[in-house]
Protein backbone atom coordinates (compact mmCIF):
# COMPACT_ATOMS: atom_id res chain seq x y z
CA MET A 1 16.98 37.72 -1.05
CA ASN A 2 18.91 36.34 1.72
CA ARG A 3 20.63 32.65 1.57
CA ARG A 4 17.74 31.13 3.67
CA ASP A 5 14.98 32.56 1.44
CA PHE A 6 16.89 31.53 -1.93
CA LEU A 7 17.32 27.96 -0.60
CA THR A 8 13.73 27.49 0.53
CA THR A 9 12.57 28.87 -2.77
CA SER A 10 14.75 26.70 -4.83
CA VAL A 11 13.81 23.49 -2.74
CA ALA A 12 10.07 24.24 -3.03
CA GLY A 13 10.48 24.26 -7.00
CA ILE A 14 11.95 20.64 -7.14
CA LEU A 15 10.16 18.65 -4.25
CA PRO A 16 6.80 17.23 -4.43
CA ASN A 17 3.99 18.97 -2.53
CA TRP A 18 3.28 15.92 -0.14
CA LEU A 19 7.05 16.19 1.03
CA LEU A 20 6.61 19.84 1.90
CA LYS A 21 3.18 19.38 3.12
CA GLU A 22 2.04 22.46 1.10
CA GLU A 23 -1.42 22.87 -0.58
CA LYS A 24 -1.50 24.04 -4.00
CA PRO A 25 -4.69 24.70 -6.08
CA PRO A 26 -5.83 21.82 -8.44
CA LEU A 27 -4.98 21.67 -12.11
CA ASP A 28 -7.35 23.38 -14.27
CA ASP A 29 -9.46 21.40 -16.91
CA ARG A 30 -6.86 21.60 -19.53
CA PHE A 31 -4.70 19.23 -17.65
CA ASN A 32 -7.71 16.64 -16.73
CA TYR A 33 -7.61 13.43 -18.52
CA ASP A 34 -11.22 11.75 -18.82
CA VAL A 35 -10.62 8.25 -17.79
CA SER A 36 -14.54 7.44 -17.83
CA ALA A 37 -13.87 5.21 -20.90
CA PHE A 38 -11.65 2.90 -18.86
CA ALA A 39 -14.11 2.72 -15.76
CA HIS A 40 -15.98 -0.32 -17.18
CA THR A 41 -14.91 -3.71 -16.53
CA ASP A 42 -15.61 -6.58 -18.87
CA PRO A 43 -17.71 -9.03 -16.98
CA ALA A 44 -15.53 -11.86 -18.64
CA LEU A 45 -12.61 -10.55 -16.60
CA LEU A 46 -13.98 -10.69 -13.44
CA ARG A 47 -12.51 -13.63 -11.19
CA TYR A 48 -14.13 -12.53 -7.81
CA ASN A 49 -17.23 -11.86 -6.08
CA GLU A 50 -17.80 -9.57 -3.43
CA THR A 51 -19.36 -11.89 -0.58
CA GLY A 52 -19.19 -9.77 2.60
CA HIS A 53 -17.97 -6.78 4.70
CA PHE A 54 -17.60 -5.64 8.03
CA PRO A 55 -17.00 -2.27 9.86
CA THR A 56 -13.66 -1.21 11.37
CA GLY A 57 -14.99 1.07 14.05
CA PHE A 58 -12.39 3.61 13.19
CA ARG A 59 -12.66 7.27 12.50
CA GLU A 60 -9.68 7.12 10.17
CA PRO A 61 -8.71 3.77 8.96
CA LYS A 62 -5.48 3.51 7.30
CA CYS A 63 -3.99 0.08 6.83
CA LEU A 64 -4.42 -3.64 6.53
CA ALA A 65 -2.83 -6.98 6.84
CA VAL A 66 -3.67 -10.65 7.11
CA THR A 67 -1.66 -12.93 9.35
CA GLY A 68 -2.80 -16.45 9.75
CA ASN A 69 -6.53 -16.27 10.80
CA ASN A 70 -6.26 -12.82 11.94
CA ILE A 71 -7.04 -9.44 9.91
CA LEU A 72 -5.19 -6.65 11.42
CA VAL A 73 -6.53 -3.30 10.57
CA GLY A 74 -4.88 0.18 11.76
CA GLY A 75 -6.40 3.38 12.28
CA ASP A 76 -6.85 6.23 14.78
CA ARG A 77 -4.34 5.44 17.36
CA ALA A 78 -5.03 1.56 17.56
CA ILE A 79 -4.33 -1.79 15.83
CA LYS A 80 -7.54 -3.95 16.13
CA THR A 81 -7.52 -7.69 15.36
CA PHE A 82 -10.52 -9.46 13.77
CA ASP A 83 -11.33 -12.89 12.90
CA ALA A 84 -12.38 -14.21 9.64
CA THR A 85 -15.97 -13.44 10.25
CA GLY A 86 -15.24 -9.84 11.28
CA LYS A 87 -15.64 -10.26 14.83
CA GLU A 88 -13.03 -8.05 16.85
CA GLN A 89 -10.79 -10.26 18.84
CA ALA A 90 -8.31 -7.82 20.33
CA ALA A 91 -7.20 -4.07 20.21
CA LEU A 92 -3.71 -2.60 20.73
CA THR A 93 -3.39 1.05 21.61
CA VAL A 94 -0.51 2.76 19.90
CA THR A 95 0.77 6.34 20.03
CA ALA A 96 -0.09 7.74 16.59
CA LEU A 97 -1.70 7.01 13.41
CA PRO A 98 -0.20 3.72 12.16
CA HIS A 99 0.87 4.16 8.49
CA ALA A 100 1.43 0.32 7.86
CA VAL A 101 0.99 -3.02 9.86
CA ALA A 102 2.59 -6.51 9.53
CA GLY A 103 2.43 -9.63 11.57
CA ASN A 104 3.90 -13.26 11.74
CA SER A 105 2.77 -16.64 12.87
CA ASP A 106 4.30 -16.05 16.42
CA GLY A 107 2.07 -13.14 17.22
CA MET A 108 4.39 -10.46 16.53
CA ILE A 109 2.92 -7.32 15.22
CA CYS A 110 5.11 -4.70 13.68
CA VAL A 111 3.60 -1.04 13.26
CA ALA A 112 5.12 1.68 10.84
CA PHE A 113 4.48 5.31 11.88
CA GLN A 114 5.49 8.61 10.27
CA ASN A 115 9.28 8.37 10.84
CA HIS A 116 9.83 4.94 13.07
CA PHE A 117 8.44 1.58 13.61
CA GLN A 118 7.56 -0.56 16.75
CA ILE A 119 7.39 -4.10 17.32
CA PHE A 120 4.95 -5.53 19.85
CA GLY A 121 5.49 -9.00 21.02
CA LYS A 122 7.48 -10.89 23.65
CA LEU A 123 9.87 -8.02 23.58
CA PRO A 124 8.61 -4.79 22.52
CA VAL A 125 10.83 -2.76 20.38
CA THR A 126 10.92 0.89 19.13
CA SER A 127 13.24 1.62 16.23
CA GLU A 128 15.29 4.44 15.57
CA THR A 129 14.04 7.25 13.61
CA PHE A 130 14.39 7.54 9.82
CA GLY A 131 14.79 11.34 9.72
CA GLU A 132 12.51 14.44 9.17
CA ARG A 133 11.85 13.53 5.51
CA ALA A 134 10.69 10.16 6.42
CA ASP A 135 7.20 8.94 5.55
CA LEU A 136 6.85 5.11 6.21
CA THR A 137 4.21 3.57 3.87
CA GLY A 138 4.96 -0.01 4.02
CA ILE A 139 6.31 -2.70 6.49
CA ALA A 140 6.98 -6.33 5.92
CA VAL A 141 8.62 -9.18 8.32
CA SER A 142 10.89 -11.90 7.00
CA GLY A 143 12.74 -14.06 9.45
CA GLU A 144 15.11 -11.81 11.49
CA ASN A 145 14.46 -8.93 9.21
CA ILE A 146 12.03 -6.04 9.23
CA PHE A 147 11.60 -4.08 5.91
CA VAL A 148 10.16 -0.74 5.65
CA ALA A 149 9.13 1.32 2.75
CA ASP A 150 10.02 4.98 3.27
CA ALA A 151 8.32 7.01 0.70
CA GLY A 152 9.79 10.40 1.89
CA ASN A 153 13.38 9.41 1.22
CA ARG A 154 12.41 7.08 -1.72
CA GLN A 155 13.96 4.11 -0.10
CA VAL A 156 13.87 0.58 1.48
CA VAL A 157 15.43 0.19 4.65
CA ARG A 158 16.25 -3.25 6.11
CA CYS A 159 16.39 -3.36 10.18
CA ASP A 160 17.07 -6.26 12.43
CA LEU A 161 14.59 -7.05 15.35
CA THR A 162 16.02 -4.63 17.62
CA GLY A 163 15.13 -1.71 15.00
CA LYS A 164 18.62 -0.94 14.11
CA ILE A 165 19.26 -0.29 10.52
CA GLN A 166 21.43 -2.63 8.64
CA SER A 167 21.13 -1.60 4.96
CA ARG A 168 19.19 0.37 2.31
CA ILE A 169 17.87 0.04 -1.37
CA LYS A 170 17.63 3.37 -2.94
CA GLY A 171 16.70 4.47 -6.58
CA PHE A 172 12.97 4.16 -6.61
CA ALA A 173 10.56 6.71 -8.35
CA VAL A 174 7.93 7.77 -5.59
CA PRO A 175 5.84 10.65 -6.78
CA SER A 176 3.47 10.53 -4.10
CA PRO A 177 3.17 8.88 -0.60
CA TYR A 178 2.33 5.48 -1.94
CA PHE A 179 5.10 3.00 -1.68
CA ASP A 180 4.48 -0.77 -0.76
CA LEU A 181 6.57 -3.95 -0.37
CA HIS A 182 6.12 -7.61 0.53
CA ALA A 183 8.29 -10.25 1.75
CA GLY A 184 7.69 -13.48 -0.21
CA ALA A 185 7.99 -17.05 0.70
CA ASP A 186 10.38 -17.35 -2.19
CA ASP A 187 12.95 -15.47 -0.21
CA LEU A 188 12.75 -12.33 -2.33
CA LEU A 189 11.62 -8.89 -1.25
CA TRP A 190 8.89 -7.67 -3.69
CA VAL A 191 8.81 -3.91 -4.04
CA VAL A 192 6.39 -1.50 -5.99
CA ASN A 193 8.50 1.31 -8.02
CA PRO A 194 5.26 3.32 -8.51
CA GLY A 195 6.51 5.95 -10.75
CA LYS A 196 7.68 3.26 -13.13
CA HIS A 197 4.55 1.32 -12.94
CA ARG A 198 6.31 -1.95 -12.00
CA ILE A 199 6.96 -4.47 -9.11
CA GLU A 200 10.54 -5.42 -8.39
CA ALA A 201 12.13 -8.13 -6.72
CA TYR A 202 15.28 -7.82 -4.60
CA ASN A 203 17.61 -10.50 -2.97
CA PRO A 204 18.43 -10.23 0.62
CA ASP A 205 21.70 -8.30 -0.17
CA GLY A 206 19.57 -5.48 -1.75
CA THR A 207 20.33 -6.64 -5.46
CA LEU A 208 17.64 -6.42 -8.04
CA GLU A 209 16.48 -9.82 -9.51
CA LEU A 210 13.83 -9.40 -11.78
CA SER A 211 10.67 -7.01 -12.21
CA TRP A 212 7.46 -6.98 -14.08
CA GLY A 213 4.77 -4.43 -14.99
CA GLU A 214 3.96 -2.15 -17.95
CA THR A 215 2.62 1.37 -18.28
CA GLY A 216 -0.70 1.76 -19.97
CA MET A 217 -4.41 2.65 -19.87
CA SER A 218 -5.54 -0.92 -20.85
CA ILE A 219 -6.58 -3.24 -18.22
CA GLU A 220 -3.64 -5.21 -18.38
CA GLY A 221 -1.11 -2.15 -17.48
CA PHE A 222 -0.81 0.74 -14.83
CA CYS A 223 -1.37 4.15 -15.47
CA GLY A 224 -1.31 7.68 -13.62
CA CYS A 225 1.87 8.98 -11.82
CA CYS A 226 2.08 5.87 -9.72
CA ASN A 227 0.68 2.68 -9.63
CA PRO A 228 0.07 0.22 -8.27
CA VAL A 229 -0.15 1.63 -4.98
CA TYR A 230 -0.69 -1.54 -2.76
CA PHE A 231 -0.20 -5.20 -3.61
CA THR A 232 -0.06 -8.56 -1.84
CA ARG A 233 0.50 -12.15 -2.92
CA LEU A 234 -1.70 -15.37 -2.75
CA ALA A 235 -0.36 -18.43 -1.30
CA ASP A 236 0.49 -19.88 -4.68
CA GLY A 237 2.45 -16.67 -5.60
CA ARG A 238 0.16 -14.85 -7.68
CA PHE A 239 -0.26 -11.13 -7.29
CA ILE A 240 -3.11 -9.05 -6.10
CA THR A 241 -2.45 -5.41 -7.19
CA SER A 242 -4.76 -2.24 -6.12
CA GLU A 243 -4.62 1.07 -8.24
CA LYS A 244 -5.52 4.70 -7.52
CA GLY A 245 -7.12 7.15 -10.25
CA LEU A 246 -8.63 4.10 -11.78
CA ASN A 247 -9.40 2.18 -8.83
CA ARG A 248 -9.04 -1.49 -9.82
CA ILE A 249 -8.05 -4.53 -7.91
CA LYS A 250 -6.51 -7.33 -10.20
CA ILE A 251 -4.74 -10.34 -10.41
CA TYR A 252 -1.64 -11.38 -12.23
CA SER A 253 0.32 -14.72 -12.30
CA ALA A 254 3.55 -15.25 -10.36
CA THR A 255 5.60 -14.16 -13.57
CA GLY A 256 3.28 -11.09 -13.89
CA LYS A 257 0.99 -12.04 -16.49
CA PHE A 258 -2.44 -10.26 -16.07
CA LEU A 259 -5.11 -13.02 -15.25
CA GLY A 260 -8.30 -11.05 -14.43
CA VAL A 261 -9.98 -8.55 -12.10
CA VAL A 262 -11.01 -8.83 -8.68
CA ALA A 263 -13.06 -5.55 -8.65
CA GLY A 264 -13.31 -2.81 -10.98
CA VAL A 265 -14.09 0.88 -10.53
CA GLU A 266 -17.79 0.36 -10.56
CA HIS A 267 -17.53 -2.24 -7.84
CA LEU A 268 -15.21 -0.23 -5.58
CA VAL A 269 -15.94 3.29 -5.80
CA LYS A 270 -19.19 4.75 -4.32
CA ASP A 271 -18.10 8.48 -4.60
CA LEU A 272 -17.02 9.11 -7.93
CA GLU A 273 -16.51 12.81 -7.45
CA LEU A 274 -14.14 12.01 -4.59
CA ALA A 275 -12.16 9.70 -6.79
CA LYS A 276 -12.18 12.17 -9.40
CA GLN A 277 -10.53 14.68 -7.13
CA ALA A 278 -7.87 11.94 -6.04
CA CYS A 279 -6.46 11.78 -9.59
CA THR A 280 -5.02 15.21 -9.43
CA ASN A 281 -4.40 15.47 -5.58
CA CYS A 282 -2.36 12.63 -4.21
CA GLN A 283 -3.10 14.32 -0.50
CA ILE A 284 -6.61 12.53 -0.89
CA GLY A 285 -6.11 9.14 0.53
CA PHE A 286 -8.18 7.05 -2.09
CA GLY A 287 -6.33 3.87 -2.71
CA PHE A 288 -7.67 0.31 -1.53
CA PRO A 289 -4.99 -1.44 0.70
CA VAL A 290 -5.43 -5.30 -0.10
CA ALA A 291 -4.64 -8.40 1.84
CA CYS A 292 -5.45 -11.98 1.45
CA ASP A 293 -5.90 -15.47 3.46
CA ALA A 294 -5.08 -18.95 2.84
CA ALA A 295 -8.46 -19.43 1.08
CA ASN A 296 -7.55 -17.00 -1.50
CA ARG A 297 -10.16 -14.40 -0.39
CA VAL A 298 -9.04 -11.00 -0.90
CA PHE A 299 -9.69 -8.38 1.61
CA THR A 300 -9.61 -4.53 0.93
CA LEU A 301 -9.95 -1.53 3.32
CA ASP A 302 -12.56 0.99 2.06
CA GLN A 303 -11.57 4.33 3.73
CA THR A 304 -14.70 5.98 2.61
CA THR A 305 -17.11 3.80 4.21
CA ARG A 306 -14.51 2.59 6.89
CA ASP A 307 -15.31 -1.02 6.07
CA ILE A 308 -13.40 -4.21 5.36
CA ARG A 309 -14.96 -5.72 2.21
CA ILE A 310 -14.26 -9.41 1.35
CA PHE A 311 -13.94 -10.78 -2.33
CA THR A 312 -14.27 -14.54 -2.85
CA PRO A 313 -12.84 -16.36 -5.93
CA LYS A 314 -15.52 -17.53 -8.46
CA ALA A 315 -16.06 -21.34 -8.97
CA ALA A 316 -13.69 -22.42 -11.89
């Protein structure tokens, strides 16, 4: 074996499939864990009702964000803006499939692609690239900073508004291409550490401030190789989390205490067979990106129906 073949074989043995873009056969039945017992949601835990939906018009919808009264949806090679009723207001053409989108009250829209991001606004900006291994899966705007989650390199990168890299936070466990973040009104950067089943808060200088989350099959915890896969925050600081495998959208207090369920497996999943396949093959995108508005409504992108689904809080 020559040196190149040796290195290729060695690397293939330690890197996850999604980094190598390789296909491997699914695990056989000996390694499948039956989660059907956990797929039922106690009705007493439901805090939301599904009150509407609207089509995105994308063949491949990918990402979702809410900024002010605008709902931003990315897919195909475009970012569409919808109002609160689901009426399309504008469309922005981009050069590739958007991986994540964020915006601010000034009308700036930030779009993350595979290995770079772009800012659309008064002064359009294209960032420097993040390398061949990069897989950008999340983006957030906070003042003069743009934060991106790079699942391929397992790091969060802080950039300025010109797209230049300023600093990095490393040390995350990211077993699959799900890695989300959120810039909070509390001046903390909240990041999912998915392989450790927790959400962590970082100061602007990159130091860890606090974290919450626990591993478990129960409704309070997060299970699987990597959860939650998406999250957002309500105006009062409560967290909305979204999981794959057991597709659940849940609500937690500002300190991470479980409060209830927005939607359970039986409410979200229409293709149970596809959801089962997604448990053992992370290449199958079967998460539900989430965002929320000032009225505490929760929006989720259903990538199987290609719709935005709307959940409204129940009366107290």
